[in-house]
Amino acid sequence: MHKRTTMTRGWRGSGTLAIGLVCAVGLLPLAAQAQSTAYNQTALVALCKISAAGASGRFDTAEQLFSQGKDAGLSQLQMYEAVLNLLPYIGYPRTLSTLGRFQRVYPDYISQRSQGQSPQPTEPWPEYAPSIWGERGMRVQERLTGGSEETQQLIKRLSQISPELAEWVRYDDFGRVFGRAGLLLIEREAIVLGALIAQGALQIAFHYKALLRVGGDDSLVDALLEAVADIVDKNALASARQHIAEARQ
């Protein structure tokens, strides 16, 4: 299968910063990032629902969605990367629990990827951390915020809250997690929206705008909200709708 990539990420505008707040960009080897005017809504909805289920702690539902993923046109790679993309938004416990359900449905995924060898990360820390993740992270930030000037403003705001987190967001969230191959930018944003809708998080306003920047539109956002309505908490859904409505003004 052809490897695809992404970019994405956002910022929590409420005075509190969480590692998940400014994240959401997957990036191909940063080569051509051609924007497609068309998107596969069925696949995007499926990814969003998986994300919402994991973020809501509805792991039985997530397992069912993994089983249905191929019918929605998703590959095992896309579903695996979707779970990794959850980490900055929901933390290790729920990410690991969601990944465990993926493994139940696709128990041979890692062994097949490793081709009989000892499983290894696709981007080993010693090779990628010193330079690649930082460079990639900056380019991801610029892609999502709309340009270098906007990125510098974002970094400044984050640094005033926590210079440590400002750096981690660039290297870890943008560079390490969201710069990975395997998903398109619009797919990663659909995943992020699913996690943020499940939490009713304020950061959804940023990612709503980021989704539009990477080829989405309002009809897609409405479809994602409708798709997760039976998965997420009703109060969280109401908050998410409000944040998006305000972002649309």
C-alpha atoms as a PDB file:
ATOM      1  CA  MET A   1       0.000   0.000   0.000  1.00  0.00           C
ATOM      2  CA  HIS A   2       1.234   3.489  -0.778  1.00  0.00           C
ATOM      3  CA  LYS A   3       2.297   5.303   2.337  1.00  0.00           C
ATOM      4  CA  ARG A   4       0.495   8.487   3.002  1.00  0.00           C
ATOM      5  CA  THR A   5       1.082  11.197   5.531  1.00  0.00           C
ATOM      6  CA  THR A   6      -0.273  14.103   7.371  1.00  0.00           C
ATOM      7  CA  MET A   7       0.002  17.225   9.325  1.00  0.00           C
ATOM      8  CA  THR A   8      -2.131  18.755  12.004  1.00  0.00           C
ATOM      9  CA  ARG A   9      -2.484  20.400  15.342  1.00  0.00           C
ATOM     10  CA  GLY A  10      -4.010  22.961  17.571  1.00  0.00           C
ATOM     11  CA  TRP A  11      -3.910  25.153  20.585  1.00  0.00           C
ATOM     12  CA  ARG A  12      -6.035  25.171  23.657  1.00  0.00           C
ATOM     13  CA  GLY A  13      -7.235  28.729  24.073  1.00  0.00           C
ATOM     14  CA  SER A  14      -8.490  28.643  27.645  1.00  0.00           C
ATOM     15  CA  GLY A  15      -5.336  29.494  29.518  1.00  0.00           C
ATOM     16  CA  THR A  16      -4.535  25.870  30.155  1.00  0.00           C
ATOM     17  CA  LEU A  17      -2.256  24.011  27.856  1.00  0.00           C
ATOM     18  CA  ALA A  18      -2.311  20.319  27.400  1.00  0.00           C
ATOM     19  CA  ILE A  19      -0.044  18.324  25.218  1.00  0.00           C
ATOM     20  CA  GLY A  20      -3.055  17.497  23.174  1.00  0.00           C
ATOM     21  CA  LEU A  21      -3.957  21.110  22.707  1.00  0.00           C
ATOM     22  CA  VAL A  22      -1.895  22.054  19.758  1.00  0.00           C
ATOM     23  CA  CYS A  23      -1.631  18.810  17.948  1.00  0.00           C
ATOM     24  CA  ALA A  24      -2.916  17.317  14.837  1.00  0.00           C
ATOM     25  CA  VAL A  25      -0.805  17.131  11.785  1.00  0.00           C
ATOM     26  CA  GLY A  26       0.510  14.191   9.964  1.00  0.00           C
ATOM     27  CA  LEU A  27       3.132  14.819   7.374  1.00  0.00           C
ATOM     28  CA  LEU A  28       4.505  12.893   4.460  1.00  0.00           C
ATOM     29  CA  PRO A  29       8.235  13.044   4.057  1.00  0.00           C
ATOM     30  CA  LEU A  30       7.344  16.691   3.699  1.00  0.00           C
ATOM     31  CA  ALA A  31       7.590  16.425  -0.012  1.00  0.00           C
ATOM     32  CA  ALA A  32       4.589  17.340  -2.104  1.00  0.00           C
ATOM     33  CA  GLN A  33       1.584  18.140   0.034  1.00  0.00           C
ATOM     34  CA  ALA A  34      -0.946  18.531  -2.733  1.00  0.00           C
ATOM     35  CA  GLN A  35      -4.355  19.484  -1.448  1.00  0.00           C
ATOM     36  CA  SER A  36      -7.144  17.387  -2.843  1.00  0.00           C
ATOM     37  CA  THR A  37     -10.495  19.004  -3.401  1.00  0.00           C
ATOM     38  CA  ALA A  38     -12.214  15.658  -2.876  1.00  0.00           C
ATOM     39  CA  TYR A  39     -12.267  13.495   0.240  1.00  0.00           C
ATOM     40  CA  ASN A  40     -13.575  10.089   1.234  1.00  0.00           C
ATOM     41  CA  GLN A  41     -16.289  10.973   3.735  1.00  0.00           C
ATOM     42  CA  THR A  42     -17.004   7.332   4.591  1.00  0.00           C
ATOM     43  CA  ALA A  43     -13.403   6.757   5.662  1.00  0.00           C
ATOM     44  CA  LEU A  44     -13.198  10.058   7.536  1.00  0.00           C
ATOM     45  CA  VAL A  45     -16.384   9.298   9.463  1.00  0.00           C
ATOM     46  CA  ALA A  46     -15.057   5.839  10.360  1.00  0.00           C
ATOM     47  CA  LEU A  47     -11.791   7.299  11.685  1.00  0.00           C
ATOM     48  CA  CYS A  48     -13.647   9.954  13.663  1.00  0.00           C
ATOM     49  CA  LYS A  49     -15.893   7.335  15.275  1.00  0.00           C
ATOM     50  CA  ILE A  50     -12.924   5.166  16.287  1.00  0.00           C
ATOM     51  CA  SER A  51     -11.315   8.219  17.854  1.00  0.00           C
ATOM     52  CA  ALA A  52     -14.476   9.266  19.688  1.00  0.00           C
ATOM     53  CA  ALA A  53     -14.968   5.756  21.059  1.00  0.00           C
ATOM     54  CA  GLY A  54     -11.406   5.574  22.383  1.00  0.00           C
ATOM     55  CA  ALA A  55     -11.575   9.059  23.880  1.00  0.00           C
ATOM     56  CA  SER A  56     -14.907   8.231  25.542  1.00  0.00           C
ATOM     57  CA  GLY A  57     -13.582   5.013  27.056  1.00  0.00           C
ATOM     58  CA  ARG A  58     -16.045   2.955  25.022  1.00  0.00           C
ATOM     59  CA  PHE A  59     -13.576   0.246  24.121  1.00  0.00           C
ATOM     60  CA  ASP A  60     -16.169  -2.372  23.156  1.00  0.00           C
ATOM     61  CA  THR A  61     -17.499   0.107  20.623  1.00  0.00           C
ATOM     62  CA  ALA A  62     -13.976   0.801  19.389  1.00  0.00           C
ATOM     63  CA  GLU A  63     -13.433  -2.918  18.859  1.00  0.00           C
ATOM     64  CA  GLN A  64     -16.614  -3.146  16.798  1.00  0.00           C
ATOM     65  CA  LEU A  65     -15.521  -0.153  14.739  1.00  0.00           C
ATOM     66  CA  PHE A  66     -12.144  -1.760  14.053  1.00  0.00           C
ATOM     67  CA  SER A  67     -13.975  -4.840  12.785  1.00  0.00           C
ATOM     68  CA  GLN A  68     -16.071  -2.647  10.506  1.00  0.00           C
ATOM     69  CA  GLY A  69     -13.125  -0.559   9.356  1.00  0.00           C
ATOM     70  CA  LYS A  70     -12.356  -2.488   6.196  1.00  0.00           C
ATOM     71  CA  ASP A  71     -15.947  -2.104   5.041  1.00  0.00           C
ATOM     72  CA  ALA A  72     -15.419   1.658   5.330  1.00  0.00           C
ATOM     73  CA  GLY A  73     -12.332   1.411   3.151  1.00  0.00           C
ATOM     74  CA  LEU A  74      -9.763   1.671   5.949  1.00  0.00           C
ATOM     75  CA  SER A  75      -6.525  -0.289   5.964  1.00  0.00           C
ATOM     76  CA  GLN A  76      -4.994  -1.778   9.102  1.00  0.00           C
ATOM     77  CA  LEU A  77      -2.235   0.820   8.805  1.00  0.00           C
ATOM     78  CA  GLN A  78      -4.743   3.668   8.869  1.00  0.00           C
ATOM     79  CA  MET A  79      -6.522   2.280  11.921  1.00  0.00           C
ATOM     80  CA  TYR A  80      -3.258   1.639  13.756  1.00  0.00           C
ATOM     81  CA  GLU A  81      -2.008   5.153  13.030  1.00  0.00           C
ATOM     82  CA  ALA A  82      -5.376   6.548  14.101  1.00  0.00           C
ATOM     83  CA  VAL A  83      -4.864   5.082  17.563  1.00  0.00           C
ATOM     84  CA  LEU A  84      -1.307   6.435  17.825  1.00  0.00           C
ATOM     85  CA  ASN A  85      -2.696   9.832  16.871  1.00  0.00           C
ATOM     86  CA  LEU A  86      -4.915   9.751  19.960  1.00  0.00           C
ATOM     87  CA  LEU A  87      -2.015   9.862  22.416  1.00  0.00           C
ATOM     88  CA  PRO A  88      -1.597  13.657  22.753  1.00  0.00           C
ATOM     89  CA  TYR A  89      -5.348  14.050  23.226  1.00  0.00           C
ATOM     90  CA  ILE A  90      -6.341  11.260  25.589  1.00  0.00           C
ATOM     91  CA  GLY A  91      -3.089  10.101  27.207  1.00  0.00           C
ATOM     92  CA  TYR A  92      -1.456   6.696  27.513  1.00  0.00           C
ATOM     93  CA  PRO A  93      -4.131   4.761  29.479  1.00  0.00           C
ATOM     94  CA  ARG A  94      -6.977   5.117  26.986  1.00  0.00           C
ATOM     95  CA  THR A  95      -4.643   5.001  24.001  1.00  0.00           C
ATOM     96  CA  LEU A  96      -3.239   1.678  25.210  1.00  0.00           C
ATOM     97  CA  SER A  97      -6.712   0.334  25.944  1.00  0.00           C
ATOM     98  CA  THR A  98      -7.888   1.309  22.470  1.00  0.00           C
ATOM     99  CA  LEU A  99      -4.780  -0.223  20.926  1.00  0.00           C
ATOM    100  CA  GLY A 100      -5.501  -3.436  22.809  1.00  0.00           C
ATOM    101  CA  ARG A 101      -8.870  -3.657  21.068  1.00  0.00           C
ATOM    102  CA  PHE A 102      -7.201  -3.065  17.706  1.00  0.00           C
ATOM    103  CA  GLN A 103      -4.890  -5.969  18.468  1.00  0.00           C
ATOM    104  CA  ARG A 104      -7.825  -8.239  19.270  1.00  0.00           C
ATOM    105  CA  VAL A 105      -9.240  -7.636  15.817  1.00  0.00           C
ATOM    106  CA  TYR A 106      -5.897  -7.642  13.986  1.00  0.00           C
ATOM    107  CA  PRO A 107      -3.600  -9.799  16.161  1.00  0.00           C
ATOM    108  CA  ASP A 108      -0.966 -10.277  13.449  1.00  0.00           C
ATOM    109  CA  TYR A 109      -0.544  -6.663  12.391  1.00  0.00           C
ATOM    110  CA  ILE A 110       2.735  -5.943  14.196  1.00  0.00           C
ATOM    111  CA  SER A 111       4.281  -9.341  13.456  1.00  0.00           C
ATOM    112  CA  GLN A 112       3.439  -8.994   9.766  1.00  0.00           C
ATOM    113  CA  ARG A 113       4.829  -5.478   9.689  1.00  0.00           C
ATOM    114  CA  SER A 114       8.024  -6.773  11.299  1.00  0.00           C
ATOM    115  CA  GLN A 115       8.319  -9.592   8.738  1.00  0.00           C
ATOM    116  CA  GLY A 116       9.379 -12.152  11.308  1.00  0.00           C
ATOM    117  CA  GLN A 117      11.957  -9.894  12.949  1.00  0.00           C
ATOM    118  CA  SER A 118      11.852  -8.388  16.426  1.00  0.00           C
ATOM    119  CA  PRO A 119       9.280  -5.534  16.355  1.00  0.00           C
ATOM    120  CA  GLN A 120      10.933  -2.133  16.015  1.00  0.00           C
ATOM    121  CA  PRO A 121       9.531   1.419  15.852  1.00  0.00           C
ATOM    122  CA  THR A 122       9.240   2.803  12.352  1.00  0.00           C
ATOM    123  CA  GLU A 123      10.990   6.011  13.436  1.00  0.00           C
ATOM    124  CA  PRO A 124      13.710   5.098  15.981  1.00  0.00           C
ATOM    125  CA  TRP A 125      14.433   7.809  18.535  1.00  0.00           C
ATOM    126  CA  PRO A 126      18.244   8.042  17.986  1.00  0.00           C
ATOM    127  CA  GLU A 127      17.802   8.631  14.267  1.00  0.00           C
ATOM    128  CA  TYR A 128      14.804  10.951  14.292  1.00  0.00           C
ATOM    129  CA  ALA A 129      14.864  12.944  17.535  1.00  0.00           C
ATOM    130  CA  PRO A 130      18.011  15.083  16.997  1.00  0.00           C
ATOM    131  CA  SER A 131      16.893  16.869  13.841  1.00  0.00           C
ATOM    132  CA  ILE A 132      14.055  15.311  11.861  1.00  0.00           C
ATOM    133  CA  TRP A 133      11.244  15.734  14.383  1.00  0.00           C
ATOM    134  CA  GLY A 134      12.123  19.346  15.122  1.00  0.00           C
ATOM    135  CA  GLU A 135      12.323  20.349  11.469  1.00  0.00           C
ATOM    136  CA  ARG A 136       9.184  18.434  10.652  1.00  0.00           C
ATOM    137  CA  GLY A 137       7.367  19.840  13.638  1.00  0.00           C
ATOM    138  CA  MET A 138       7.991  23.427  12.587  1.00  0.00           C
ATOM    139  CA  ARG A 139       6.743  22.760   9.080  1.00  0.00           C
ATOM    140  CA  VAL A 140       3.660  21.048  10.467  1.00  0.00           C
ATOM    141  CA  GLN A 141       2.918  24.043  12.677  1.00  0.00           C
ATOM    142  CA  GLU A 142       3.193  26.386   9.723  1.00  0.00           C
ATOM    143  CA  ARG A 143       0.899  24.189   7.657  1.00  0.00           C
ATOM    144  CA  LEU A 144      -1.823  24.157  10.273  1.00  0.00           C
ATOM    145  CA  THR A 145      -1.650  27.706  11.511  1.00  0.00           C
ATOM    146  CA  GLY A 146      -1.528  29.193   8.033  1.00  0.00           C
ATOM    147  CA  GLY A 147       2.056  30.478   7.854  1.00  0.00           C
ATOM    148  CA  SER A 148       5.323  31.216   9.635  1.00  0.00           C
ATOM    149  CA  GLU A 149       4.090  34.430  11.257  1.00  0.00           C
ATOM    150  CA  GLU A 150       1.086  32.661  12.768  1.00  0.00           C
ATOM    151  CA  THR A 151       3.356  29.857  13.959  1.00  0.00           C
ATOM    152  CA  GLN A 152       5.646  32.295  15.758  1.00  0.00           C
ATOM    153  CA  GLN A 153       2.638  33.863  17.464  1.00  0.00           C
ATOM    154  CA  LEU A 154       1.505  30.411  18.580  1.00  0.00           C
ATOM    155  CA  ILE A 155       4.945  29.542  19.937  1.00  0.00           C
ATOM    156  CA  LYS A 156       5.045  32.842  21.823  1.00  0.00           C
ATOM    157  CA  ARG A 157       1.654  32.204  23.431  1.00  0.00           C
ATOM    158  CA  LEU A 158       2.615  28.688  24.429  1.00  0.00           C
ATOM    159  CA  SER A 159       5.961  29.816  25.815  1.00  0.00           C
ATOM    160  CA  GLN A 160       4.223  32.323  28.072  1.00  0.00           C
ATOM    161  CA  ILE A 161       2.286  29.433  29.582  1.00  0.00           C
ATOM    162  CA  SER A 162       5.143  26.926  29.612  1.00  0.00           C
ATOM    163  CA  PRO A 163       8.349  27.048  27.560  1.00  0.00           C
ATOM    164  CA  GLU A 164       8.775  23.322  28.173  1.00  0.00           C
ATOM    165  CA  LEU A 165       5.415  22.473  26.677  1.00  0.00           C
ATOM    166  CA  ALA A 166       5.979  24.864  23.787  1.00  0.00           C
ATOM    167  CA  GLU A 167       9.071  22.858  22.869  1.00  0.00           C
ATOM    168  CA  TRP A 168       7.425  19.484  23.449  1.00  0.00           C
ATOM    169  CA  VAL A 169       4.514  20.456  21.233  1.00  0.00           C
ATOM    170  CA  ARG A 170       6.869  21.176  18.368  1.00  0.00           C
ATOM    171  CA  TYR A 171       9.174  18.158  18.709  1.00  0.00           C
ATOM    172  CA  ASP A 172       6.864  15.544  20.167  1.00  0.00           C
ATOM    173  CA  ASP A 173       3.327  16.343  19.080  1.00  0.00           C
ATOM    174  CA  PHE A 174       3.875  18.012  15.714  1.00  0.00           C
ATOM    175  CA  GLY A 175       7.155  16.369  14.789  1.00  0.00           C
ATOM    176  CA  ARG A 176       7.076  12.863  16.251  1.00  0.00           C
ATOM    177  CA  VAL A 177       3.388  11.920  16.305  1.00  0.00           C
ATOM    178  CA  PHE A 178       1.706  13.962  13.595  1.00  0.00           C
ATOM    179  CA  GLY A 179       4.571  13.965  11.149  1.00  0.00           C
ATOM    180  CA  ARG A 180       4.327  10.202  10.686  1.00  0.00           C
ATOM    181  CA  ALA A 181       3.489   8.580   7.380  1.00  0.00           C
ATOM    182  CA  GLY A 182       0.300   6.569   7.030  1.00  0.00           C
ATOM    183  CA  LEU A 183      -2.526   9.104   7.080  1.00  0.00           C
ATOM    184  CA  LEU A 184      -3.521  12.172   5.113  1.00  0.00           C
ATOM    185  CA  LEU A 185      -3.757  15.511   6.885  1.00  0.00           C
ATOM    186  CA  ILE A 186      -7.512  15.565   6.559  1.00  0.00           C
ATOM    187  CA  GLU A 187      -7.683  12.074   8.072  1.00  0.00           C
ATOM    188  CA  ARG A 188      -5.635  13.109  11.088  1.00  0.00           C
ATOM    189  CA  GLU A 189      -7.838  16.134  11.601  1.00  0.00           C
ATOM    190  CA  ALA A 190     -10.950  13.949  11.519  1.00  0.00           C
ATOM    191  CA  ILE A 191      -9.337  11.798  14.216  1.00  0.00           C
ATOM    192  CA  VAL A 192      -8.497  14.824  16.325  1.00  0.00           C
ATOM    193  CA  LEU A 193     -12.019  16.179  16.006  1.00  0.00           C
ATOM    194  CA  GLY A 194     -13.416  12.859  17.203  1.00  0.00           C
ATOM    195  CA  ALA A 195     -11.288  12.977  20.350  1.00  0.00           C
ATOM    196  CA  LEU A 196     -12.092  16.628  21.053  1.00  0.00           C
ATOM    197  CA  ILE A 197     -15.825  16.238  20.451  1.00  0.00           C
ATOM    198  CA  ALA A 198     -15.803  13.413  23.000  1.00  0.00           C
ATOM    199  CA  GLN A 199     -14.346  15.844  25.548  1.00  0.00           C
ATOM    200  CA  GLY A 200     -16.282  18.941  24.516  1.00  0.00           C
ATOM    201  CA  ALA A 201     -12.863  20.576  24.359  1.00  0.00           C
ATOM    202  CA  LEU A 202     -12.359  24.240  23.531  1.00  0.00           C
ATOM    203  CA  GLN A 203      -9.460  23.319  21.221  1.00  0.00           C
ATOM    204  CA  ILE A 204     -11.965  21.998  18.725  1.00  0.00           C
ATOM    205  CA  ALA A 205     -12.266  25.556  17.385  1.00  0.00           C
ATOM    206  CA  PHE A 206      -8.643  25.470  16.223  1.00  0.00           C
ATOM    207  CA  HIS A 207      -9.008  22.061  14.649  1.00  0.00           C
ATOM    208  CA  TYR A 208     -12.231  22.981  12.928  1.00  0.00           C
ATOM    209  CA  LYS A 209     -10.291  25.714  11.123  1.00  0.00           C
ATOM    210  CA  ALA A 210      -7.349  23.382  10.506  1.00  0.00           C
ATOM    211  CA  LEU A 211      -9.683  20.851   8.896  1.00  0.00           C
ATOM    212  CA  LEU A 212     -10.870  23.527   6.484  1.00  0.00           C
ATOM    213  CA  ARG A 213      -7.240  24.354   5.654  1.00  0.00           C
ATOM    214  CA  VAL A 214      -6.471  20.771   4.674  1.00  0.00           C
ATOM    215  CA  GLY A 215      -9.430  20.229   2.383  1.00  0.00           C
ATOM    216  CA  GLY A 216     -12.471  19.774   4.613  1.00  0.00           C
ATOM    217  CA  ASP A 217     -15.668  21.802   4.644  1.00  0.00           C
ATOM    218  CA  ASP A 218     -18.631  22.546   6.879  1.00  0.00           C
ATOM    219  CA  SER A 219     -20.717  19.695   5.514  1.00  0.00           C
ATOM    220  CA  LEU A 220     -17.978  17.262   6.534  1.00  0.00           C
ATOM    221  CA  VAL A 221     -17.795  18.739  10.035  1.00  0.00           C
ATOM    222  CA  ASP A 222     -21.558  18.385  10.390  1.00  0.00           C
ATOM    223  CA  ALA A 223     -21.316  14.765   9.236  1.00  0.00           C
ATOM    224  CA  LEU A 224     -18.625  14.030  11.829  1.00  0.00           C
ATOM    225  CA  LEU A 225     -20.694  15.565  14.624  1.00  0.00           C
ATOM    226  CA  GLU A 226     -23.712  13.525  13.602  1.00  0.00           C
ATOM    227  CA  ALA A 227     -21.678  10.325  13.290  1.00  0.00           C
ATOM    228  CA  VAL A 228     -20.400  10.405  16.878  1.00  0.00           C
ATOM    229  CA  ALA A 229     -23.638  11.611  18.478  1.00  0.00           C
ATOM    230  CA  ASP A 230     -24.467   8.118  19.763  1.00  0.00           C
ATOM    231  CA  ILE A 231     -20.930   7.510  21.031  1.00  0.00           C
ATOM    232  CA  VAL A 232     -19.951  10.566  23.043  1.00  0.00           C
ATOM    233  CA  ASP A 233     -21.439  12.151  26.150  1.00  0.00           C
ATOM    234  CA  LYS A 234     -24.371  14.414  25.309  1.00  0.00           C
ATOM    235  CA  ASN A 235     -23.022  17.353  27.305  1.00  0.00           C
ATOM    236  CA  ALA A 236     -19.657  17.038  25.585  1.00  0.00           C
ATOM    237  CA  LEU A 237     -21.386  16.962  22.209  1.00  0.00           C
ATOM    238  CA  ALA A 238     -23.367  20.087  23.057  1.00  0.00           C
ATOM    239  CA  SER A 239     -20.172  21.900  24.091  1.00  0.00           C
ATOM    240  CA  ALA A 240     -18.422  20.811  20.909  1.00  0.00           C
ATOM    241  CA  ARG A 241     -21.289  22.097  18.781  1.00  0.00           C
ATOM    242  CA  GLN A 242     -21.158  25.426  20.591  1.00  0.00           C
ATOM    243  CA  HIS A 243     -17.397  25.810  20.109  1.00  0.00           C
ATOM    244  CA  ILE A 244     -17.731  25.056  16.400  1.00  0.00           C
ATOM    245  CA  ALA A 245     -20.644  27.460  16.007  1.00  0.00           C
ATOM    246  CA  GLU A 246     -18.557  30.221  17.577  1.00  0.00           C
ATOM    247  CA  ALA A 247     -15.605  29.391  15.325  1.00  0.00           C
ATOM    248  CA  ARG A 248     -17.857  29.708  12.291  1.00  0.00           C
ATOM    249  CA  GLN A 249     -18.808  33.290  13.104  1.00  0.00           C
END
